[in-house]
Protein backbone atom coordinates (compact mmCIF):
# COMPACT_ATOMS: atom_id res chain seq x y z
CA MET A 1 147.97 47.70 72.26
CA PHE A 2 144.43 46.99 71.75
CA PHE A 3 143.43 50.56 72.98
CA ILE A 4 146.19 52.23 70.68
CA GLY A 5 144.74 50.30 67.61
CA LEU A 6 141.31 52.04 68.43
CA GLY A 7 143.01 55.53 68.47
CA TYR A 8 143.59 55.79 72.10
CA ARG A 9 146.33 58.24 72.78
CA PRO A 10 147.32 58.51 76.63
CA GLY A 11 148.82 62.14 75.91
CA LEU A 12 145.92 63.30 74.14
CA LEU A 13 143.46 62.17 76.99
CA ASN A 14 145.41 63.69 79.63
CA ALA A 15 145.74 66.98 77.80
CA GLY A 16 141.90 66.84 77.22
CA LEU A 17 141.24 66.29 80.95
CA LEU A 18 143.32 69.01 81.96
CA ASN A 19 141.73 71.36 79.31
CA PHE A 20 138.55 70.34 80.79
CA GLN A 21 139.45 70.76 84.36
CA TYR A 22 140.83 74.55 83.08
CA ARG A 23 137.39 75.34 81.42
CA ASN A 24 135.51 73.90 84.46
CA SER A 25 137.61 75.91 86.98
CA GLU A 26 137.09 79.11 84.92
CA LEU A 27 133.25 78.60 84.67
CA THR A 28 133.55 77.99 88.48
CA LYS A 29 135.52 81.41 88.94
CA ASN A 30 132.99 83.17 86.73
CA THR A 31 130.01 81.98 88.82
CA MET A 32 131.58 82.69 92.28
CA LEU A 33 132.41 86.27 90.74
CA GLN A 34 128.63 86.64 89.57
CA LYS A 35 127.29 85.52 93.04
CA VAL A 36 129.73 87.81 94.83
CA LYS A 37 128.75 90.96 92.48
CA LEU A 38 125.17 90.06 92.94
CA ASN A 39 125.41 89.92 96.78
CA ILE A 40 127.29 93.04 96.83
CA ASN A 41 124.77 94.94 94.67
CA ILE A 42 122.01 93.67 96.87
CA LEU A 43 123.65 94.44 100.41
CA LEU A 44 124.63 97.87 98.86
CA SER A 45 120.76 98.46 97.87
CA ILE A 46 119.43 97.29 101.09
CA ALA A 47 122.17 99.45 103.18
CA ILE A 48 121.19 102.63 101.18
CA GLY A 49 117.55 101.95 101.58
CA CYS A 50 118.02 101.87 105.34
CA ILE A 51 119.11 105.47 105.36
CA LEU A 52 115.41 106.64 105.73
CA PRO A 53 114.57 104.26 108.67
CA LEU A 54 117.94 105.11 110.39
CA THR A 55 117.08 108.85 109.76
CA TRP A 56 113.84 108.28 111.51
CA LEU A 57 115.25 106.66 114.51
CA SER A 58 118.08 109.16 114.95
CA THR A 59 115.38 112.30 114.81
CA ILE A 60 112.97 110.43 117.31
CA LEU A 61 115.90 109.78 119.73
CA THR A 62 117.33 113.62 119.35
CA HIS A 63 114.17 115.49 118.78
CA ALA A 64 111.06 113.86 119.76
CA SER A 65 109.32 115.20 122.66
CA GLU A 66 109.51 112.79 125.96
CA TYR A 67 106.65 114.39 127.55
CA LEU A 68 104.01 116.11 125.11
CA PRO A 69 101.01 114.36 123.85
CA TYR A 70 99.52 114.94 120.46
CA GLY A 71 95.74 115.34 119.99
CA ASP A 72 93.69 112.37 120.98
CA GLN A 73 96.52 111.19 123.19
CA TRP A 74 95.30 113.88 125.85
CA ASP A 75 92.25 111.46 126.26
CA THR A 76 93.48 108.06 125.37
CA PRO A 77 95.90 106.71 127.08
CA LEU A 78 96.47 109.76 129.52
CA ARG A 79 92.94 109.28 130.88
CA HIS A 80 93.75 105.66 131.73
CA LEU A 81 97.10 106.63 133.31
CA ILE A 82 95.70 109.35 135.56
CA HIS A 83 93.06 106.81 136.80
CA TRP A 84 96.09 104.17 137.51
CA GLN A 85 97.82 106.86 139.59
CA ASP A 86 94.68 107.92 141.55
CA GLY A 87 93.56 104.26 142.13
CA SER A 88 90.39 104.80 140.47
CA PHE A 89 91.31 102.45 137.38
CA GLN A 90 89.08 99.89 136.46
CA TRP A 91 90.25 97.20 133.80
CA SER A 92 86.93 97.69 131.81
CA GLU A 93 88.29 101.14 130.71
CA LEU A 94 90.65 99.46 128.39
CA ILE A 95 88.02 98.09 126.12
CA SER A 96 85.94 101.44 126.63
CA GLN A 97 85.45 103.61 123.46
CA HIS A 98 87.57 106.42 122.04
CA ASN A 99 85.68 107.71 119.28
CA GLU A 100 84.71 104.78 117.12
CA SER A 101 87.71 102.47 118.38
CA ARG A 102 88.52 100.12 121.44
CA LYS A 103 92.31 100.60 121.92
CA LEU A 104 92.60 97.62 124.31
CA ILE A 105 95.89 96.54 122.80
CA THR A 106 97.65 100.06 122.31
CA SER A 107 96.46 101.27 125.86
CA SER A 108 97.67 98.08 127.43
CA ILE A 109 101.13 98.68 125.94
CA SER A 110 101.11 102.27 127.18
CA LEU A 111 99.92 101.30 130.55
CA LEU A 112 102.61 98.39 130.58
CA MET A 113 105.56 100.81 129.56
CA PHE A 114 104.25 103.58 132.08
CA ASN A 115 104.86 101.05 134.98
CA LEU A 116 108.31 99.89 133.50
CA LEU A 117 109.50 103.54 133.16
CA ASN A 118 107.67 104.99 135.91
CA HIS A 119 106.26 108.03 133.57
CA TRP A 120 104.62 108.04 130.38
CA SER A 121 107.36 108.42 127.89
CA ILE A 122 106.25 109.59 124.36
CA LYS A 123 109.49 108.82 123.05
CA ALA A 124 109.70 105.61 124.08
CA GLU A 125 106.13 104.65 122.43
CA LEU A 126 107.51 106.47 119.15
CA ILE A 127 110.41 103.88 119.32
CA VAL A 128 107.88 101.22 119.62
CA GLY A 129 105.97 102.45 116.77
CA PHE A 130 109.03 102.74 114.79
CA PHE A 131 110.09 99.17 115.10
CA LEU A 132 106.42 97.80 114.55
CA THR A 133 106.59 99.68 111.03
CA LEU A 134 110.07 97.95 110.57
CA ILE A 135 108.45 94.62 111.22
CA LYS A 136 105.69 95.33 108.69
CA VAL A 137 107.95 96.31 105.93
CA LEU A 138 110.05 92.99 106.56
CA ALA A 139 106.94 90.85 106.82
CA ILE A 140 105.63 92.13 103.36
CA THR A 141 109.18 91.89 101.97
CA VAL A 142 109.37 88.14 103.27
CA LEU A 143 106.00 87.23 101.76
CA PHE A 144 106.91 88.46 98.49
CA TYR A 145 109.97 86.58 98.86
CA ARG A 146 108.07 83.24 99.68
CA SER A 147 105.66 83.45 97.02
CA LYS A 148 105.26 81.03 94.43
CA ASP A 149 106.03 83.39 91.30
CA VAL A 150 109.61 84.27 93.14
CA LYS A 151 110.37 80.75 94.21
CA ALA A 152 110.25 79.74 90.74
CA ILE A 153 113.00 82.07 89.55
CA LYS A 154 115.88 80.83 91.72
CA HIS A 155 118.57 83.09 90.19
CA TYR A 156 116.59 86.13 90.72
CA ARG A 157 114.97 85.75 94.31
CA ASN A 158 117.42 88.11 95.88
CA TYR A 159 116.76 90.67 93.22
CA VAL A 160 113.16 90.73 94.10
CA PHE A 161 113.85 90.69 97.63
CA ALA A 162 115.98 94.01 97.63
CA ILE A 163 113.63 95.74 95.26
CA VAL A 164 110.73 95.04 97.18
CA PHE A 165 112.49 95.98 100.38
CA VAL A 166 113.80 99.20 99.29
CA VAL A 167 110.60 100.40 97.70
CA LEU A 168 108.71 99.46 101.15
CA LEU A 169 111.18 101.52 103.10
CA LEU A 170 110.66 104.49 100.70
CA LEU A 171 107.00 104.13 101.11
CA ASN A 172 106.78 103.80 104.92
CA TYR A 173 109.29 106.12 106.05
CA SER A 174 108.83 108.90 103.70
CA ARG A 175 107.96 112.66 104.13
CA SER A 176 104.33 111.81 103.64
CA THR A 177 104.30 109.62 106.55
CA TYR A 178 106.38 112.02 108.88
CA MET A 179 103.60 113.57 110.88
CA TYR A 180 101.83 110.27 111.37
CA GLN A 181 105.48 108.69 112.62
CA LEU A 182 105.49 111.58 115.25
CA TRP A 183 102.52 110.25 116.88
CA SER A 184 103.00 107.71 119.49
CA VAL A 185 99.81 106.21 118.52
CA THR A 186 101.62 105.03 115.16
CA ALA A 187 101.37 101.58 117.03
CA GLU A 188 97.40 101.15 116.83
CA ARG A 189 97.16 101.46 113.00
CA THR A 190 100.51 99.41 112.19
CA ILE A 191 99.26 96.63 114.39
CA VAL A 192 96.19 96.38 112.17
CA ASP A 193 98.52 96.30 109.19
CA ILE A 194 100.80 93.46 110.49
CA MET A 195 97.81 91.31 111.60
CA PHE A 196 96.45 91.57 108.12
CA VAL A 197 99.98 90.79 106.47
CA SER A 198 100.10 87.89 108.89
CA MET A 199 96.68 86.56 107.51
CA LEU A 200 98.22 86.43 103.96
CA TYR A 201 100.84 84.01 105.30
CA THR A 202 97.96 81.40 105.53
CA LEU A 203 97.79 81.56 101.68
CA LEU A 204 101.52 79.78 101.70
CA ASP A 205 102.15 76.16 101.81
CA LYS A 206 103.74 75.79 105.20
CA PRO A 207 100.94 76.69 107.66
CA GLY A 208 98.84 73.66 108.71
CA GLU A 209 95.25 73.79 109.12
CA LYS A 210 95.28 74.45 112.68
CA TRP A 211 97.62 77.38 112.27
CA ARG A 212 95.58 78.83 109.63
CA VAL A 213 92.45 78.65 111.59
CA ALA A 214 94.12 80.34 114.64
CA ILE A 215 95.68 83.10 112.67
CA LEU A 216 92.39 83.89 110.75
CA VAL A 217 90.77 84.15 114.17
CA PHE A 218 93.30 85.78 116.44
CA ALA A 219 94.55 88.41 113.74
CA PRO A 220 91.03 90.12 113.38
CA LEU A 221 90.56 89.74 117.14
CA ILE A 222 93.83 91.86 117.86
CA SER A 223 93.18 94.23 115.06
CA VAL A 224 89.53 94.97 116.28
CA TYR A 225 90.58 95.87 119.75
CA SER A 226 93.61 97.95 118.50
CA TYR A 227 91.81 100.11 116.02
CA SER A 228 88.24 100.43 114.34
CA SER A 229 89.78 99.76 110.86
CA GLY A 230 90.59 96.44 112.23
CA LEU A 231 86.96 95.47 111.71
CA SER A 232 87.78 95.11 108.10
CA LEU A 233 89.98 92.14 108.92
CA THR A 234 86.87 90.01 110.08
CA LEU A 235 85.31 90.21 106.51
CA ILE A 236 88.87 89.82 104.79
CA ALA A 237 89.40 86.63 107.31
CA ILE A 238 86.21 85.13 106.16
CA PHE A 239 86.94 85.76 102.59
CA ILE A 240 90.28 83.86 102.91
CA ALA A 241 89.14 80.91 104.73
CA GLY A 242 86.46 80.69 102.02
CA LEU A 243 89.40 80.81 99.26
CA LEU A 244 91.31 78.22 101.38
CA TYR A 245 88.25 75.96 101.34
CA ILE A 246 87.70 76.20 97.58
CA LYS A 247 91.35 75.28 97.25
CA GLN A 248 91.02 72.41 99.75
CA ALA A 249 93.38 73.75 101.96
CA ILE A 250 90.66 73.57 104.85
CA ASN A 251 87.75 71.63 105.61
CA SER A 252 84.22 72.78 106.11
CA VAL A 253 84.34 72.42 109.78
CA SER A 254 87.35 75.09 109.74
CA LEU A 255 85.73 77.31 107.36
CA TRP A 256 82.44 77.53 109.59
CA THR A 257 84.81 78.15 112.83
CA VAL A 258 86.69 81.01 111.11
CA SER A 259 83.01 82.61 109.83
CA LEU A 260 81.40 82.50 113.18
CA LEU A 261 83.98 83.47 115.30
CA ASN A 262 84.65 86.56 113.26
CA ILE A 263 81.09 87.42 113.30
CA SER A 264 81.11 87.11 117.11
CA ILE A 265 84.11 89.51 117.27
CA ILE A 266 82.06 92.05 115.12
CA GLY A 267 79.05 91.59 117.65
CA SER A 268 81.62 91.83 120.74
CA TYR A 269 82.82 94.97 119.40
CA PHE A 270 79.29 96.57 119.37
CA ILE A 271 78.21 95.56 122.77
CA GLY A 272 77.48 98.93 124.45
CA TYR A 273 78.42 100.85 121.38
CA GLU A 274 77.72 104.62 121.50
CA SER A 275 77.85 106.92 118.38
CA ASN A 276 80.09 109.80 118.79
CA PRO A 277 77.71 113.11 118.78
CA ASP A 278 80.78 115.30 117.37
CA HIS A 279 81.12 112.82 114.20
CA SER A 280 78.86 112.18 111.56
CA SER A 281 76.80 109.20 111.40
CA ILE A 282 76.87 106.40 108.71
CA PHE A 283 73.30 107.28 107.53
CA SER A 284 74.34 110.75 106.65
CA THR A 285 77.21 109.35 104.59
CA LEU A 286 74.66 106.92 102.66
CA GLN A 287 72.72 109.85 101.80
CA GLN A 288 75.81 111.47 99.97
CA PRO A 289 76.17 111.30 96.13
CA VAL A 290 77.76 108.20 94.94
CA ILE A 291 80.21 110.20 92.93
CA LYS A 292 81.47 111.82 96.20
CA ILE A 293 81.82 108.13 97.82
CA LEU A 294 84.03 107.26 95.03
CA GLU A 295 85.89 110.40 95.01
CA PHE A 296 86.76 109.85 98.59
CA ILE A 297 87.98 106.06 98.15
CA VAL A 298 90.14 107.49 94.96
CA LEU A 299 91.77 110.11 97.20
CA PHE A 300 92.44 107.83 99.85
CA LEU A 301 94.28 105.45 97.60
CA GLY A 302 96.33 108.30 96.41
CA ASN A 303 97.18 109.61 99.57
CA THR A 304 100.89 108.74 99.53
CA SER A 305 104.11 110.22 98.04
CA PRO A 306 107.78 109.59 99.41
CA ASN A 307 108.78 113.26 98.72
CA SER A 308 105.61 115.08 99.66
CA MET A 309 104.88 116.13 103.26
CA LYS A 310 101.34 117.04 102.43
CA ILE A 311 99.42 115.54 99.48
CA SER A 312 97.65 117.94 97.39
CA TYR A 313 94.07 117.27 96.23
CA GLN A 314 94.99 116.90 92.72
CA GLN A 315 98.23 115.06 93.46
CA ALA A 316 96.01 112.36 95.37
CA LEU A 317 93.44 112.14 92.66
CA ILE A 318 95.68 111.47 90.02
CA GLN A 319 97.66 108.82 91.98
CA GLY A 320 94.29 107.48 93.20
CA ILE A 321 92.94 107.25 89.51
CA PHE A 322 96.47 105.52 88.34
CA ILE A 323 96.34 102.79 91.23
CA VAL A 324 92.63 102.02 90.23
CA THR A 325 93.40 101.97 86.66
CA ALA A 326 96.47 99.96 86.43
CA SER A 327 95.29 97.49 88.93
CA THR A 328 92.07 96.87 86.98
CA LEU A 329 93.93 96.49 83.68
CA LEU A 330 96.72 94.15 85.12
CA THR A 331 93.88 92.02 86.66
CA ILE A 332 91.89 91.91 83.51
CA TRP A 333 95.15 90.90 81.47
CA LEU A 334 96.00 88.33 83.89
CA ALA A 335 92.34 86.70 83.89
CA ARG A 336 92.57 86.74 80.20
CA SER A 337 95.99 85.15 79.92
CA LYS A 338 95.16 82.33 82.58
CA ARG A 339 91.95 81.79 80.87
CA CYS A 340 93.93 80.70 77.64
CA GLN A 341 96.13 78.41 79.72
CA SER A 342 93.63 75.97 81.04
CA GLU A 343 95.97 74.61 83.63
CA GLN A 344 96.59 77.97 85.57
CA LYS A 345 93.80 79.36 87.72
CA MET A 346 93.11 82.71 88.89
CA LEU A 347 93.68 83.30 92.72
CA ASP A 348 96.03 80.51 92.96
CA LEU A 349 97.28 79.81 96.58
CA GLY A 350 100.94 81.72 97.26
CA GLY A 351 100.69 83.61 94.08
CA LEU A 352 101.65 87.16 93.90
CA ASP A 353 98.42 87.90 91.96
CA THR A 354 96.44 86.55 94.77
CA PHE A 355 98.36 88.58 97.50
CA GLY A 356 97.95 91.86 95.11
CA LEU A 357 94.25 91.43 94.80
CA ILE A 358 93.60 90.78 98.40
CA ILE A 359 95.96 93.72 99.36
CA LEU A 360 93.77 96.10 97.11
CA LEU A 361 90.85 94.66 98.77
CA TYR A 362 91.89 95.33 102.23
CA VAL A 363 93.09 99.05 101.31
CA SER A 364 89.60 99.50 99.66
CA ALA A 365 87.73 98.32 102.71
CA ILE A 366 89.53 100.65 104.93
CA ALA A 367 89.08 103.59 102.48
CA THR A 368 85.26 102.60 102.75
CA MET A 369 85.11 102.54 106.35
CA SER A 370 86.94 105.92 106.51
CA CYS A 371 84.50 106.99 103.96
CA LEU A 372 81.32 106.20 106.22
CA ALA A 373 82.86 107.97 109.09
CA ARG A 374 84.59 110.95 107.74
CA LEU A 375 82.85 112.08 104.29
CA PRO A 376 80.30 114.28 105.72
CA MET A 377 83.15 116.31 107.32
CA GLY A 378 84.32 116.90 103.65
CA VAL A 379 86.26 114.89 100.97
CA LEU A 380 89.46 116.16 101.80
CA ASN A 381 89.29 114.12 104.91
CA ALA A 382 90.56 111.34 102.77
CA THR A 383 94.19 113.15 102.61
CA ARG A 384 94.61 113.11 106.30
CA ASP A 385 98.13 112.47 107.65
CA ASP A 386 96.79 109.29 109.64
CA TYR A 387 95.36 107.64 106.65
CA VAL A 388 98.89 107.39 104.67
CA ILE A 389 99.95 104.46 106.70
CA HIS A 390 97.21 102.50 105.39
CA ALA A 391 97.06 103.96 101.91
CA THR A 392 100.46 102.85 101.07
CA PHE A 393 98.76 99.63 100.50
CA GLY A 394 97.50 100.50 97.42
CA LEU A 395 100.61 101.03 95.94
CA ILE A 396 101.95 97.55 97.36
CA GLY A 397 99.03 95.74 96.23
CA LEU A 398 99.82 97.53 92.63
CA LEU A 399 103.61 96.33 93.17
CA ALA A 400 102.33 92.72 93.72
CA LEU A 401 100.34 92.60 90.52
CA LEU A 402 103.22 94.36 88.66
CA THR A 403 105.95 91.73 89.89
CA HIS A 404 103.68 88.79 88.98
CA THR A 405 103.08 90.23 85.76
CA LEU A 406 106.96 90.96 85.00
CA LEU A 407 107.95 87.59 86.36
CA LYS A 408 105.31 85.65 83.97
CA ILE A 409 106.56 87.42 81.04
CA ASN A 410 110.49 87.35 81.80
CA PRO A 411 112.35 87.58 85.02
CA GLN A 412 115.26 89.09 83.20
CA PRO A 413 114.06 92.78 83.81
CA MET A 414 114.57 92.27 87.78
CA LYS A 415 118.15 92.61 87.16
CA SER A 416 118.08 95.68 85.65
CA GLY A 417 115.20 96.81 87.76
CA LEU A 418 117.61 96.45 90.83
CA ILE A 419 120.24 98.94 89.46
CA ILE A 420 117.30 101.49 88.74
CA VAL A 421 116.07 100.66 92.49
CA LEU A 422 119.74 101.06 93.56
CA PHE A 423 120.12 104.30 91.80
CA LEU A 424 116.83 105.81 92.93
CA SER A 425 117.44 104.78 96.68
CA CYS A 426 120.95 106.51 96.40
CA THR A 427 119.27 109.98 95.42
CA VAL A 428 115.68 109.79 96.50
CA SER A 429 116.54 108.18 99.87
CA SER A 430 119.45 110.54 100.81
CA HIS A 431 117.17 113.62 99.69
CA ILE A 432 114.20 112.52 101.71
CA ALA A 433 116.28 111.78 104.73
CA PHE A 434 117.44 115.15 104.78
CA LEU A 435 114.05 116.68 104.50
CA VAL A 436 112.73 114.27 106.90
CA TYR A 437 115.40 115.24 109.40
CA LYS A 438 114.73 118.89 108.81
CA ASP A 439 110.83 118.51 108.98
CA VAL A 440 111.16 116.77 112.32
CA ALA A 441 113.54 119.50 113.67
CA ASN A 442 110.94 122.06 112.59
CA ARG A 443 108.05 120.12 113.98
CA GLN A 444 109.70 120.25 117.15
CA ILE A 445 110.47 123.77 117.31
CA GLU A 446 106.67 124.34 116.70
CA LEU A 447 105.70 122.02 119.53
CA LEU A 448 108.18 123.69 122.05
CA GLU A 449 106.68 126.96 121.02
CA ASN A 450 103.11 125.55 121.81
CA ILE A 451 104.46 124.57 125.41
CA SER A 452 105.02 128.18 126.19
CA MET A 453 101.26 128.93 125.60
CA PHE A 454 100.32 126.27 128.07
CA ASP A 455 100.80 128.49 131.18
CA ASP A 456 99.02 131.33 129.50
CA CYS A 457 96.07 128.85 128.78
CA LEU A 458 96.10 127.59 132.34
CA ALA A 459 96.32 130.84 133.93
CA HIS A 460 93.22 132.31 132.42
CA GLN A 461 91.44 129.04 132.27
CA LYS A 462 89.97 129.74 128.70
CA ASN A 463 87.69 127.41 126.81
CA VAL A 464 90.13 125.38 124.71
CA ARG A 465 88.08 124.69 121.97
CA GLN A 466 87.48 128.70 121.51
CA SER A 467 90.80 130.05 122.66
CA HIS A 468 93.75 131.44 120.84
CA CYS A 469 95.68 128.68 122.44
CA TYR A 470 93.64 126.05 121.01
CA ALA A 471 93.89 127.61 117.44
CA GLN A 472 97.69 127.57 117.50
CA ASN A 473 98.24 124.74 119.54
CA SER A 474 98.07 121.55 117.58
CA VAL A 475 98.52 119.22 120.42
CA ALA A 476 95.62 120.82 122.50
CA HIS A 477 92.63 118.58 123.33
CA PRO A 478 89.26 119.64 124.88
CA LEU A 479 90.12 117.76 128.02
CA PHE A 480 93.48 119.60 128.09
CA PHE A 481 93.02 121.84 131.25
CA GLU A 482 91.98 119.01 133.39
CA TYR A 483 94.40 116.23 132.06
CA PHE A 484 97.35 118.62 131.78
CA THR A 485 97.08 119.58 135.51
CA LEU A 486 96.37 116.07 136.93
CA ALA A 487 99.45 114.75 134.78
CA THR A 488 101.71 117.17 136.05
CA LYS A 489 100.40 116.75 139.69
CA PHE A 490 101.09 112.77 139.61
CA LYS A 491 104.17 113.33 137.38
CA ILE A 492 102.84 111.14 134.52
CA LEU A 493 104.19 113.18 131.81
CA ILE A 494 107.15 115.03 132.94
CA PRO A 495 109.69 112.53 134.50
CA GLU A 496 111.66 113.26 137.90
């Protein structure tokens, strides 16, 4: 009676509860439908993006040569395999120079696979390089996903993951990387990239101090003894260690440990180092005009395009200028906006802006090293096929800065951004996949035609550097006659 006097009506209360439960169930259904739609869109975009790597894998399995080395492979690792077969192999060979590089890691991989397969399988090494590239793409995507910026937008994290993953697939399995993907030496540069990305993980919250020190020492060590561009990682490791020390993530002992060990790695690399007489010296590069050096670096940064097999000078120059200009403007804008907000600081650990700037530092360091070695041979050396794999980091660094800026302003565009990426991946990926398959098939026909000239070259014992055979045979090497004969004798190249 008391409750009735206060206006309590059992029927009205029950009806209200039923209405609330109905509305709540409707909200739950709508939320679930939105999540299902979100997951379907993300999975669909990722599946379509995977068209490109699947095309690469299929072309490697169906078209790649089993026994035809390319360019410098006639010397390394073939020289090591011949010595292994004739009993004259010495372990010190693995750290011997090949041009400016000491290919300990990649030569060891070739030697291991040679013993497992009982012959040197070019196709098997191509497959290893393919999966290393895929690991690199996944590692960068997860790095974006685990960054502070993306963690802060719980409802849009999967959108960012899908966008970054598809864009990276388009960059790393494009037509511009097609020539490089057909070299079994893909691994040597990709290992350097993977080691660099692993160093960026030290800027996240999870790794402890000991893990950070270990990564910042062993990643440069592995890189330096994979390819000469790995030398840049020693300096970047010291820079990252300094940043971690400033942010109080490591102590002074760890900073000195990382610095001294990386300096020791550089010193070990130059023990017994001999300059290649066929290549230009660093001093001749330093005598070049500054404008030429800057031109080379800008061309290097712009040397990538998903839909072009060979980048033209004009295209590389325009793209390079765009990357430099856009990155500079975004950095200035971020620095000024954070200066206005005193609680925020530039180069925050785990932030996409920090990742973007260090990525741009990495690709600029490799561009500078390549410039020192190749500029006297001509500025167009900046657009070489084998530089594309590193040059993609210019766009990746810009992508990190752009994503950080968009998320800082408003995360909503990521939803519409995924739709755009989904559409582009449907059209661009399918188109490029068709062209890539066609390119690889044509490339294989060219290589097979070159094989028919081998007998003629061997029969006449011509000088390879001056012969018609060398001019048309893109796989020839100065040591071709000697190594091809020995490789055939020991059945290193052609399996039984």
